[in-house]
């Protein structure tokens, strides 16, 4: 096995955190303390909008929710360009 293959294998085994965000909101402490079972928290995204997909807290794609073997999943519909990533930071 050559050195490049070993380096690539090492990188491919690095774990990454993947997060899919349905939406966000801001709430006051008093409102959070009043939450109870059955409460609804309204999010900023509209129903049907693509979900944001983050890898290690960086936006990398957008997708739509799907069900796979009775579990939720996400189908990628758009990969974020490097320019878009920079714009999100600024």
PDB file of N, CA and C in Angstrom:
ATOM      1  N   UNK A   1       0.859  -1.184   0.000  1.00  0.00           N
ATOM      2  CA  UNK A   1       0.000   0.000   0.000  1.00  0.00           C
ATOM      3  C   UNK A   1       0.897   1.238   0.000  1.00  0.00           C
ATOM      4  N   UNK A   2       0.677   2.146  -0.928  1.00  0.00           N
ATOM      5  CA  UNK A   2       1.509   3.334  -1.004  1.00  0.00           C
ATOM      6  C   UNK A   2       1.077   4.376   0.028  1.00  0.00           C
ATOM      7  N   UNK A   3       1.914   5.383   0.230  1.00  0.00           N
ATOM      8  CA  UNK A   3       1.694   6.404   1.265  1.00  0.00           C
ATOM      9  C   UNK A   3       0.405   7.190   1.025  1.00  0.00           C
ATOM     10  N   UNK A   4       0.088   7.555  -0.235  1.00  0.00           N
ATOM     11  CA  UNK A   4      -1.135   8.309  -0.532  1.00  0.00           C
ATOM     12  C   UNK A   4      -2.378   7.530  -0.131  1.00  0.00           C
ATOM     13  N   UNK A   5      -2.395   6.239  -0.390  1.00  0.00           N
ATOM     14  CA  UNK A   5      -3.543   5.395  -0.035  1.00  0.00           C
ATOM     15  C   UNK A   5      -3.705   5.337   1.479  1.00  0.00           C
ATOM     16  N   UNK A   6      -2.598   5.224   2.223  1.00  0.00           N
ATOM     17  CA  UNK A   6      -2.658   5.204   3.690  1.00  0.00           C
ATOM     18  C   UNK A   6      -3.203   6.522   4.217  1.00  0.00           C
ATOM     19  N   UNK A   7      -2.750   7.645   3.652  1.00  0.00           N
ATOM     20  CA  UNK A   7      -3.227   8.964   4.083  1.00  0.00           C
ATOM     21  C   UNK A   7      -4.718   9.120   3.809  1.00  0.00           C
ATOM     22  N   UNK A   8      -5.156   8.677   2.643  1.00  0.00           N
ATOM     23  CA  UNK A   8      -6.571   8.760   2.290  1.00  0.00           C
ATOM     24  C   UNK A   8      -7.408   7.885   3.220  1.00  0.00           C
ATOM     25  N   UNK A   9      -6.952   6.673   3.498  1.00  0.00           N
ATOM     26  CA  UNK A   9      -7.671   5.787   4.414  1.00  0.00           C
ATOM     27  C   UNK A   9      -7.788   6.415   5.793  1.00  0.00           C
ATOM     28  N   UNK A  10      -6.757   7.091   6.251  1.00  0.00           N
ATOM     29  CA  UNK A  10      -6.781   7.752   7.554  1.00  0.00           C
ATOM     30  C   UNK A  10      -7.840   8.860   7.577  1.00  0.00           C
ATOM     31  N   UNK A  11      -7.881   9.662   6.535  1.00  0.00           N
ATOM     32  CA  UNK A  11      -8.847  10.760   6.460  1.00  0.00           C
ATOM     33  C   UNK A  11     -10.270  10.220   6.372  1.00  0.00           C
ATOM     34  N   UNK A  12     -10.477   9.153   5.618  1.00  0.00           N
ATOM     35  CA  UNK A  12     -11.821   8.599   5.443  1.00  0.00           C
ATOM     36  C   UNK A  12     -12.405   8.043   6.737  1.00  0.00           C
ATOM     37  N   UNK A  13     -11.568   7.746   7.724  1.00  0.00           N
ATOM     38  CA  UNK A  13     -12.039   7.192   8.996  1.00  0.00           C
ATOM     39  C   UNK A  13     -12.271   8.257  10.070  1.00  0.00           C
ATOM     40  N   UNK A  14     -12.136   9.529   9.733  1.00  0.00           N
ATOM     41  CA  UNK A  14     -12.374  10.602  10.704  1.00  0.00           C
ATOM     42  C   UNK A  14     -13.879  10.793  10.864  1.00  0.00           C
ATOM     43  N   UNK A  15     -14.388  10.697  12.103  1.00  0.00           N
ATOM     44  CA  UNK A  15     -15.828  10.873  12.310  1.00  0.00           C
ATOM     45  C   UNK A  15     -16.241  12.345  12.178  1.00  0.00           C
ATOM     46  N   UNK A  16     -17.398  12.572  11.586  1.00  0.00           N
ATOM     47  CA  UNK A  16     -17.957  13.908  11.435  1.00  0.00           C
ATOM     48  C   UNK A  16     -19.348  13.930  12.045  1.00  0.00           C
ATOM     49  N   UNK A  17     -19.748  15.070  12.576  1.00  0.00           N
ATOM     50  CA  UNK A  17     -21.097  15.224  13.112  1.00  0.00           C
ATOM     51  C   UNK A  17     -21.986  15.811  12.032  1.00  0.00           C
ATOM     52  N   UNK A  18     -23.039  15.091  11.668  1.00  0.00           N
ATOM     53  CA  UNK A  18     -23.993  15.550  10.663  1.00  0.00           C
ATOM     54  C   UNK A  18     -25.289  15.911  11.388  1.00  0.00           C
ATOM     55  N   UNK A  19     -25.770  17.138  11.150  1.00  0.00           N
ATOM     56  CA  UNK A  19     -26.980  17.638  11.790  1.00  0.00           C
ATOM     57  C   UNK A  19     -27.935  18.127  10.716  1.00  0.00           C
ATOM     58  N   UNK A  20     -29.201  17.781  10.858  1.00  0.00           N
ATOM     59  CA  UNK A  20     -30.237  18.273   9.948  1.00  0.00           C
ATOM     60  C   UNK A  20     -31.144  19.183  10.760  1.00  0.00           C
ATOM     61  N   UNK A  21     -31.280  20.420  10.307  1.00  0.00           N
ATOM     62  CA  UNK A  21     -32.032  21.425  11.060  1.00  0.00           C
ATOM     63  C   UNK A  21     -33.387  21.673  10.428  1.00  0.00           C
ATOM     64  N   UNK A  22     -34.403  21.475  11.223  1.00  0.00           N
ATOM     65  CA  UNK A  22     -35.778  21.706  10.784  1.00  0.00           C
ATOM     66  C   UNK A  22     -36.117  23.192  10.792  1.00  0.00           C
ATOM     67  N   UNK A  23     -35.557  23.926  11.733  1.00  0.00           N
ATOM     68  CA  UNK A  23     -35.797  25.361  11.852  1.00  0.00           C
ATOM     69  C   UNK A  23     -35.253  25.871  13.168  1.00  0.00           C
ATOM     70  N   UNK A  24     -35.422  27.160  13.402  1.00  0.00           N
ATOM     71  CA  UNK A  24     -34.928  27.805  14.629  1.00  0.00           C
ATOM     72  C   UNK A  24     -35.964  28.775  15.141  1.00  0.00           C
ATOM     73  N   UNK A  25     -35.789  29.165  16.385  1.00  0.00           N
ATOM     74  CA  UNK A  25     -36.606  30.219  16.966  1.00  0.00           C
ATOM     75  C   UNK A  25     -35.863  30.784  18.164  1.00  0.00           C
ATOM     76  N   UNK A  26     -36.284  31.939  18.629  1.00  0.00           N
ATOM     77  CA  UNK A  26     -35.756  32.537  19.854  1.00  0.00           C
ATOM     78  C   UNK A  26     -36.898  32.604  20.846  1.00  0.00           C
ATOM     79  N   UNK A  27     -36.576  32.269  22.093  1.00  0.00           N
ATOM     80  CA  UNK A  27     -37.598  32.292  23.140  1.00  0.00           C
ATOM     81  C   UNK A  27     -37.006  32.920  24.400  1.00  0.00           C
ATOM     82  N   UNK A  28     -37.864  33.533  25.179  1.00  0.00           N
ATOM     83  CA  UNK A  28     -37.464  34.055  26.473  1.00  0.00           C
ATOM     84  C   UNK A  28     -37.385  32.910  27.471  1.00  0.00           C
ATOM     85  N   UNK A  29     -36.557  33.067  28.477  1.00  0.00           N
ATOM     86  CA  UNK A  29     -36.416  32.037  29.514  1.00  0.00           C
ATOM     87  C   UNK A  29     -37.775  31.711  30.120  1.00  0.00           C
ATOM     88  N   UNK A  30     -38.571  32.735  30.413  1.00  0.00           N
ATOM     89  CA  UNK A  30     -39.873  32.495  31.044  1.00  0.00           C
ATOM     90  C   UNK A  30     -40.778  31.656  30.144  1.00  0.00           C
ATOM     91  N   UNK A  31     -40.677  31.846  28.817  1.00  0.00           N
ATOM     92  CA  UNK A  31     -41.494  31.069  27.891  1.00  0.00           C
ATOM     93  C   UNK A  31     -41.024  29.608  27.820  1.00  0.00           C
ATOM     94  N   UNK A  32     -39.709  29.403  27.865  1.00  0.00           N
ATOM     95  CA  UNK A  32     -39.171  28.043  27.873  1.00  0.00           C
ATOM     96  C   UNK A  32     -39.615  27.316  29.140  1.00  0.00           C
ATOM     97  N   UNK A  33     -39.603  28.015  30.262  1.00  0.00           N
ATOM     98  CA  UNK A  33     -39.997  27.402  31.533  1.00  0.00           C
ATOM     99  C   UNK A  33     -41.479  27.038  31.566  1.00  0.00           C
ATOM    100  N   UNK A  34     -42.282  27.677  30.734  1.00  0.00           N
ATOM    101  CA  UNK A  34     -43.718  27.399  30.698  1.00  0.00           C
ATOM    102  C   UNK A  34     -44.086  26.287  29.713  1.00  0.00           C
ATOM    103  N   UNK A  35     -43.099  25.762  28.965  1.00  0.00           N
ATOM    104  CA  UNK A  35     -43.379  24.685  28.014  1.00  0.00           C
ATOM    105  C   UNK A  35     -43.813  23.431  28.764  1.00  0.00           C
ATOM    106  N   UNK A  36     -44.764  22.718  28.196  1.00  0.00           N
ATOM    107  CA  UNK A  36     -45.187  21.450  28.775  1.00  0.00           C
ATOM    108  C   UNK A  36     -45.501  20.487  27.643  1.00  0.00           C
ATOM    109  N   UNK A  37     -45.785  19.250  28.002  1.00  0.00           N
ATOM    110  CA  UNK A  37     -46.070  18.234  27.002  1.00  0.00           C
ATOM    111  C   UNK A  37     -47.232  18.682  26.120  1.00  0.00           C
ATOM    112  N   UNK A  38     -47.051  18.573  24.832  1.00  0.00           N
ATOM    113  CA  UNK A  38     -48.084  18.978  23.891  1.00  0.00           C
ATOM    114  C   UNK A  38     -47.936  20.405  23.395  1.00  0.00           C
ATOM    115  N   UNK A  39     -47.028  21.176  23.999  1.00  0.00           N
ATOM    116  CA  UNK A  39     -46.806  22.552  23.553  1.00  0.00           C
ATOM    117  C   UNK A  39     -46.225  22.542  22.139  1.00  0.00           C
ATOM    118  N   UNK A  40     -46.512  23.579  21.391  1.00  0.00           N
ATOM    119  CA  UNK A  40     -45.994  23.717  20.028  1.00  0.00           C
ATOM    120  C   UNK A  40     -45.053  24.906  19.993  1.00  0.00           C
ATOM    121  N   UNK A  41     -43.859  24.689  19.471  1.00  0.00           N
ATOM    122  CA  UNK A  41     -42.874  25.761  19.313  1.00  0.00           C
ATOM    123  C   UNK A  41     -42.806  26.092  17.826  1.00  0.00           C
ATOM    124  N   UNK A  42     -43.172  27.314  17.485  1.00  0.00           N
ATOM    125  CA  UNK A  42     -43.172  27.738  16.079  1.00  0.00           C
ATOM    126  C   UNK A  42     -41.748  28.050  15.639  1.00  0.00           C
ATOM    127  N   UNK A  43     -41.376  27.533  14.471  1.00  0.00           N
ATOM    128  CA  UNK A  43     -40.034  27.738  13.934  1.00  0.00           C
ATOM    129  C   UNK A  43     -40.062  28.765  12.808  1.00  0.00           C
ATOM    130  N   UNK A  44     -38.887  29.252  12.434  1.00  0.00           N
ATOM    131  CA  UNK A  44     -38.788  30.307  11.427  1.00  0.00           C
ATOM    132  C   UNK A  44     -39.005  29.807  10.003  1.00  0.00           C
ATOM    133  N   UNK A  45     -38.739  28.538   9.741  1.00  0.00           N
ATOM    134  CA  UNK A  45     -38.910  28.016   8.379  1.00  0.00           C
ATOM    135  C   UNK A  45     -40.370  27.730   8.088  1.00  0.00           C
ATOM    136  N   UNK A  46     -40.724  27.893   6.830  1.00  0.00           N
ATOM    137  CA  UNK A  46     -42.077  27.579   6.383  1.00  0.00           C
ATOM    138  C   UNK A  46     -42.178  26.094   6.062  1.00  0.00           C
ATOM    139  N   UNK A  47     -43.360  25.529   6.224  1.00  0.00           N
ATOM    140  CA  UNK A  47     -43.587  24.134   5.865  1.00  0.00           C
ATOM    141  C   UNK A  47     -43.235  23.938   4.393  1.00  0.00           C
ATOM    142  N   UNK A  48     -42.515  22.882   4.092  1.00  0.00           N
ATOM    143  CA  UNK A  48     -42.130  22.591   2.715  1.00  0.00           C
ATOM    144  C   UNK A  48     -40.786  23.162   2.308  1.00  0.00           C
ATOM    145  N   UNK A  49     -40.232  24.073   3.108  1.00  0.00           N
ATOM    146  CA  UNK A  49     -38.904  24.603   2.794  1.00  0.00           C
ATOM    147  C   UNK A  49     -37.857  23.516   2.994  1.00  0.00           C
ATOM    148  N   UNK A  50     -36.770  23.546   2.216  1.00  0.00           N
ATOM    149  CA  UNK A  50     -35.716  22.549   2.402  1.00  0.00           C
ATOM    150  C   UNK A  50     -35.104  22.622   3.804  1.00  0.00           C
ATOM    151  N   UNK A  51     -34.682  21.472   4.312  1.00  0.00           N
ATOM    152  CA  UNK A  51     -34.006  21.388   5.594  1.00  0.00           C
ATOM    153  C   UNK A  51     -32.528  21.701   5.386  1.00  0.00           C
ATOM    154  N   UNK A  52     -31.895  22.360   6.346  1.00  0.00           N
ATOM    155  CA  UNK A  52     -30.463  22.646   6.265  1.00  0.00           C
ATOM    156  C   UNK A  52     -29.686  21.458   6.817  1.00  0.00           C
ATOM    157  N   UNK A  53     -28.621  21.077   6.114  1.00  0.00           N
ATOM    158  CA  UNK A  53     -27.782  19.948   6.515  1.00  0.00           C
ATOM    159  C   UNK A  53     -26.391  20.498   6.817  1.00  0.00           C
ATOM    160  N   UNK A  54     -25.947  20.267   8.046  1.00  0.00           N
ATOM    161  CA  UNK A  54     -24.656  20.766   8.512  1.00  0.00           C
ATOM    162  C   UNK A  54     -23.705  19.598   8.746  1.00  0.00           C
ATOM    163  N   UNK A  55     -22.447  19.788   8.418  1.00  0.00           N
ATOM    164  CA  UNK A  55     -21.391  18.847   8.782  1.00  0.00           C
ATOM    165  C   UNK A  55     -20.415  19.623   9.638  1.00  0.00           C
ATOM    166  N   UNK A  56     -20.251  19.169  10.881  1.00  0.00           N
ATOM    167  CA  UNK A  56     -19.417  19.883  11.862  1.00  0.00           C
ATOM    168  C   UNK A  56     -19.778  21.364  11.918  1.00  0.00           C
ATOM    169  N   UNK A  57     -21.068  21.633  12.012  1.00  0.00           N
ATOM    170  CA  UNK A  57     -21.633  22.984  12.162  1.00  0.00           C
ATOM    171  C   UNK A  57     -21.495  23.869  10.932  1.00  0.00           C
ATOM    172  N   UNK A  58     -21.082  23.328   9.809  1.00  0.00           N
ATOM    173  CA  UNK A  58     -20.970  24.101   8.562  1.00  0.00           C
ATOM    174  C   UNK A  58     -22.065  23.651   7.599  1.00  0.00           C
ATOM    175  N   UNK A  59     -22.824  24.605   7.063  1.00  0.00           N
ATOM    176  CA  UNK A  59     -23.878  24.293   6.112  1.00  0.00           C
ATOM    177  C   UNK A  59     -23.263  23.726   4.841  1.00  0.00           C
ATOM    178  N   UNK A  60     -23.670  22.520   4.453  1.00  0.00           N
ATOM    179  CA  UNK A  60     -23.107  21.894   3.253  1.00  0.00           C
ATOM    180  C   UNK A  60     -24.158  21.538   2.219  1.00  0.00           C
ATOM    181  N   UNK A  61     -25.426  21.413   2.644  1.00  0.00           N
ATOM    182  CA  UNK A  61     -26.453  20.995   1.691  1.00  0.00           C
ATOM    183  C   UNK A  61     -27.835  21.335   2.229  1.00  0.00           C
ATOM    184  N   UNK A  62     -28.824  21.139   1.371  1.00  0.00           N
ATOM    185  CA  UNK A  62     -30.226  21.274   1.763  1.00  0.00           C
ATOM    186  C   UNK A  62     -30.941  20.024   1.277  1.00  0.00           C
ATOM    187  N   UNK A  63     -32.001  19.655   1.978  1.00  0.00           N
ATOM    188  CA  UNK A  63     -32.685  18.430   1.595  1.00  0.00           C
ATOM    189  C   UNK A  63     -34.120  18.414   2.042  1.00  0.00           C
ATOM    190  N   UNK A  64     -34.772  17.281   1.801  1.00  0.00           N
ATOM    191  CA  UNK A  64     -36.161  17.107   2.196  1.00  0.00           C
ATOM    192  C   UNK A  64     -36.279  15.850   3.047  1.00  0.00           C
ATOM    193  N   UNK A  65     -37.191  15.882   3.998  1.00  0.00           N
ATOM    194  CA  UNK A  65     -37.395  14.751   4.900  1.00  0.00           C
ATOM    195  C   UNK A  65     -38.025  13.588   4.146  1.00  0.00           C
ATOM    196  N   UNK A  66     -37.537  12.380   4.441  1.00  0.00           N
ATOM    197  CA  UNK A  66     -38.096  11.156   3.882  1.00  0.00           C
ATOM    198  C   UNK A  66     -38.169  10.122   5.000  1.00  0.00           C
ATOM    199  N   UNK A  67     -38.907   9.052   4.765  1.00  0.00           N
ATOM    200  CA  UNK A  67     -38.957   7.936   5.703  1.00  0.00           C
ATOM    201  C   UNK A  67     -38.298   6.736   5.034  1.00  0.00           C
ATOM    202  N   UNK A  68     -37.322   6.136   5.753  1.00  0.00           N
ATOM    203  CA  UNK A  68     -36.589   4.991   5.239  1.00  0.00           C
ATOM    204  C   UNK A  68     -36.628   3.902   6.310  1.00  0.00           C
ATOM    205  N   UNK A  69     -37.252   2.770   6.001  1.00  0.00           N
ATOM    206  CA  UNK A  69     -37.353   1.673   6.974  1.00  0.00           C
ATOM    207  C   UNK A  69     -37.872   2.146   8.321  1.00  0.00           C
ATOM    208  N   UNK A  70     -38.930   2.917   8.303  1.00  0.00           N
ATOM    209  CA  UNK A  70     -39.592   3.433   9.500  1.00  0.00           C
ATOM    210  C   UNK A  70     -38.742   4.414  10.307  1.00  0.00           C
ATOM    211  N   UNK A  71     -37.687   4.951   9.712  1.00  0.00           N
ATOM    212  CA  UNK A  71     -36.859   5.977  10.353  1.00  0.00           C
ATOM    213  C   UNK A  71     -36.859   7.209   9.452  1.00  0.00           C
ATOM    214  N   UNK A  72     -36.661   8.370  10.064  1.00  0.00           N
ATOM    215  CA  UNK A  72     -36.528   9.584   9.268  1.00  0.00           C
ATOM    216  C   UNK A  72     -35.178   9.601   8.574  1.00  0.00           C
ATOM    217  N   UNK A  73     -35.158  10.185   7.396  1.00  0.00           N
ATOM    218  CA  UNK A  73     -33.931  10.390   6.655  1.00  0.00           C
ATOM    219  C   UNK A  73     -34.046  11.717   5.931  1.00  0.00           C
ATOM    220  N   UNK A  74     -33.020  12.061   5.169  1.00  0.00           N
ATOM    221  CA  UNK A  74     -33.064  13.301   4.408  1.00  0.00           C
ATOM    222  C   UNK A  74     -32.497  13.039   3.018  1.00  0.00           C
ATOM    223  N   UNK A  75     -33.224  13.482   2.004  1.00  0.00           N
ATOM    224  CA  UNK A  75     -32.780  13.363   0.618  1.00  0.00           C
ATOM    225  C   UNK A  75     -32.154  14.693   0.216  1.00  0.00           C
ATOM    226  N   UNK A  76     -30.912  14.646  -0.225  1.00  0.00           N
ATOM    227  CA  UNK A  76     -30.225  15.873  -0.638  1.00  0.00           C
ATOM    228  C   UNK A  76     -30.835  16.398  -1.923  1.00  0.00           C
ATOM    229  N   UNK A  77     -31.161  17.682  -1.925  1.00  0.00           N
ATOM    230  CA  UNK A  77     -31.714  18.311  -3.119  1.00  0.00           C
ATOM    231  C   UNK A  77     -30.815  19.430  -3.648  1.00  0.00           C
ATOM    232  N   UNK A  78     -29.857  19.859  -2.815  1.00  0.00           N
ATOM    233  CA  UNK A  78     -28.978  20.964  -3.229  1.00  0.00           C
ATOM    234  C   UNK A  78     -27.703  20.921  -2.396  1.00  0.00           C
ATOM    235  N   UNK A  79     -26.561  20.964  -3.066  1.00  0.00           N
ATOM    236  CA  UNK A  79     -25.272  21.047  -2.380  1.00  0.00           C
ATOM    237  C   UNK A  79     -24.862  22.515  -2.369  1.00  0.00           C
ATOM    238  N   UNK A  80     -24.449  22.998  -1.208  1.00  0.00           N
ATOM    239  CA  UNK A  80     -24.090  24.408  -1.051  1.00  0.00           C
ATOM    240  C   UNK A  80     -22.711  24.653  -1.656  1.00  0.00           C
ATOM    241  N   UNK A  81     -22.604  25.697  -2.472  1.00  0.00           N
ATOM    242  CA  UNK A  81     -21.317  26.046  -3.079  1.00  0.00           C
ATOM    243  C   UNK A  81     -20.417  26.715  -2.042  1.00  0.00           C
ATOM    244  N   UNK A  82     -19.116  26.703  -2.262  1.00  0.00           N
ATOM    245  CA  UNK A  82     -18.215  27.397  -1.334  1.00  0.00           C
ATOM    246  C   UNK A  82     -18.581  28.877  -1.164  1.00  0.00           C
ATOM    247  N   UNK A  83     -19.019  29.543  -2.249  1.00  0.00           N
ATOM    248  CA  UNK A  83     -19.418  30.952  -2.152  1.00  0.00           C
ATOM    249  C   UNK A  83     -20.597  31.128  -1.209  1.00  0.00           C
ATOM    250  N   UNK A  84     -21.587  30.226  -1.286  1.00  0.00           N
ATOM    251  CA  UNK A  84     -22.737  30.295  -0.392  1.00  0.00           C
ATOM    252  C   UNK A  84     -22.323  30.092   1.064  1.00  0.00           C
ATOM    253  N   UNK A  85     -21.367  29.197   1.277  1.00  0.00           N
ATOM    254  CA  UNK A  85     -20.881  28.956   2.645  1.00  0.00           C
ATOM    255  C   UNK A  85     -20.271  30.219   3.225  1.00  0.00           C
ATOM    256  N   UNK A  86     -19.494  30.934   2.418  1.00  0.00           N
ATOM    257  CA  UNK A  86     -18.880  32.182   2.877  1.00  0.00           C
ATOM    258  C   UNK A  86     -19.942  33.225   3.172  1.00  0.00           C
ATOM    259  N   UNK A  87     -20.959  33.334   2.307  1.00  0.00           N
ATOM    260  CA  UNK A  87     -22.022  34.301   2.519  1.00  0.00           C
ATOM    261  C   UNK A  87     -22.768  34.055   3.819  1.00  0.00           C
ATOM    262  N   UNK A  88     -22.971  32.792   4.196  1.00  0.00           N
ATOM    263  CA  UNK A  88     -23.665  32.461   5.442  1.00  0.00           C
ATOM    264  C   UNK A  88     -22.866  32.906   6.653  1.00  0.00           C
ATOM    265  N   UNK A  89     -21.544  32.903   6.541  1.00  0.00           N
ATOM    266  CA  UNK A  89     -20.687  33.293   7.659  1.00  0.00           C
ATOM    267  C   UNK A  89     -20.722  34.802   7.873  1.00  0.00           C
ATOM    268  N   UNK A  90     -20.781  35.558   6.780  1.00  0.00           N
ATOM    269  CA  UNK A  90     -20.701  37.021   6.859  1.00  0.00           C
ATOM    270  C   UNK A  90     -21.979  37.657   7.325  1.00  0.00           C
TER     271      UNK A  90
END
